[in-house]
Amino acid sequence: MAGTAPLGSGTAGTATGTGDVGTLSTDYPPAAWVPASSSNYTVSSRESAYPINYIIIHTMQGSYAGSISWFQNPSASVSAHYLLRSSDGAVTQMVRDKDIAWHAGNWTYNTQSIGLEHEGYVNDASWYTDAMYRSSAALTKYLCDKYGIPKDRTRIIGHNQVPGATHTDPGPNWNWTYYMQLVTGSTPPPTWSTVVDNSTTGRFTASANWAVSTYSTQRYGANYHYANPVAASDAAWYKVNIPATASYRVEVWYPANAGYNSATPYVVATTTGNQTVHVDQRANGGQWRSLGTFTLAAGDANVVGVSRWTSGTGYVIADAIRVTRL
């Protein structure tokens, strides 16, 4: 999350509301303009007063709407120039490029940077959607071209790289390689991608403890499987024929409902063992959600499982998965 006052650092709180999102930004045309409280940034005249030399990447440790509302709160003592939404990559600008947002926890870096806040949490890769990566990269490319910032990792940095930083964002789940490929335009189109639905013949297995439902219109395909949580794995598995040992993006699709599980364990079988990512299936359903990037072994095998072993409450849902080679 962004730092606090110009000379310090801290943790932003939460609030509700998104403000007036009907006004467009004059600095970045695709963005909505919702001004932060004037108590939360320093009015300036960049680039005459200070050069703009850095783009700093943050993770909100909270929601898009909550962060927008918090930056409007005069007591926040924190702000960022741009905020990005996980579900669709929507962008809101809250501090003009010419002004100094309080986001880096380092006054020198605040004066010379533009801060980008991304919805989500550093320990949950599912918030880093492809839509948000692509939207953020387009914004960063635009700003680099506009202000002559080199498109490299010495000038496009994480909050954790700011001297004296006490924050860890954007965290280990942020895919810097993919992000920089998008910024520099060097990302090749996906060479291979496949979708496995819960009804794909020969590709999905689940025990009789898993029932089938058509209740939610957010489902992928005709139906989806659900089961109660239990202190045993009893995973539903998706089988994928991986063409070569390489890096793959794994995404999941599920319908969201307040009665579904708050911490569904998705298990990914990687070359170094199973890795588990927990997803809150009460929200952000009806779309592809990234679990992250993983090295998968070549061959036809169970690659992604949905486990019932969770401390979360509500039905565990198994709907569809998508695997894409990077």
Foldseek 3Di string as FASTA:
>chain_A
DFAAALQAGDAFDWDAAQADQPDADPQDRQAGEDAFAPLQWFQAAPPVVPAAAAEEEFENQAAQRGLNVRRNDNVRRFDFQWEFFQLAGHIYGHDDPRIFTRGQRHNVNSRHHHYYYYYDDLQFLQSNDPNNLLSVLVVVLVVCVVRVHDLDDVRYDYSVPRVPRPDQPPHPQDDPVVSSCSNVVNDDDFPDKDKDWCPPPPFKDADPQWDWDQPDPLFDPRIWIKHAADQDWRKIFGKDQAAAFAKKWKKAADAAAQQAWQWWWKWFQAPVGIDTGTHGRNDSHSDITTRGMGGHHGGIGGGIITTSNDPTGHMGIGTMMMMTGD
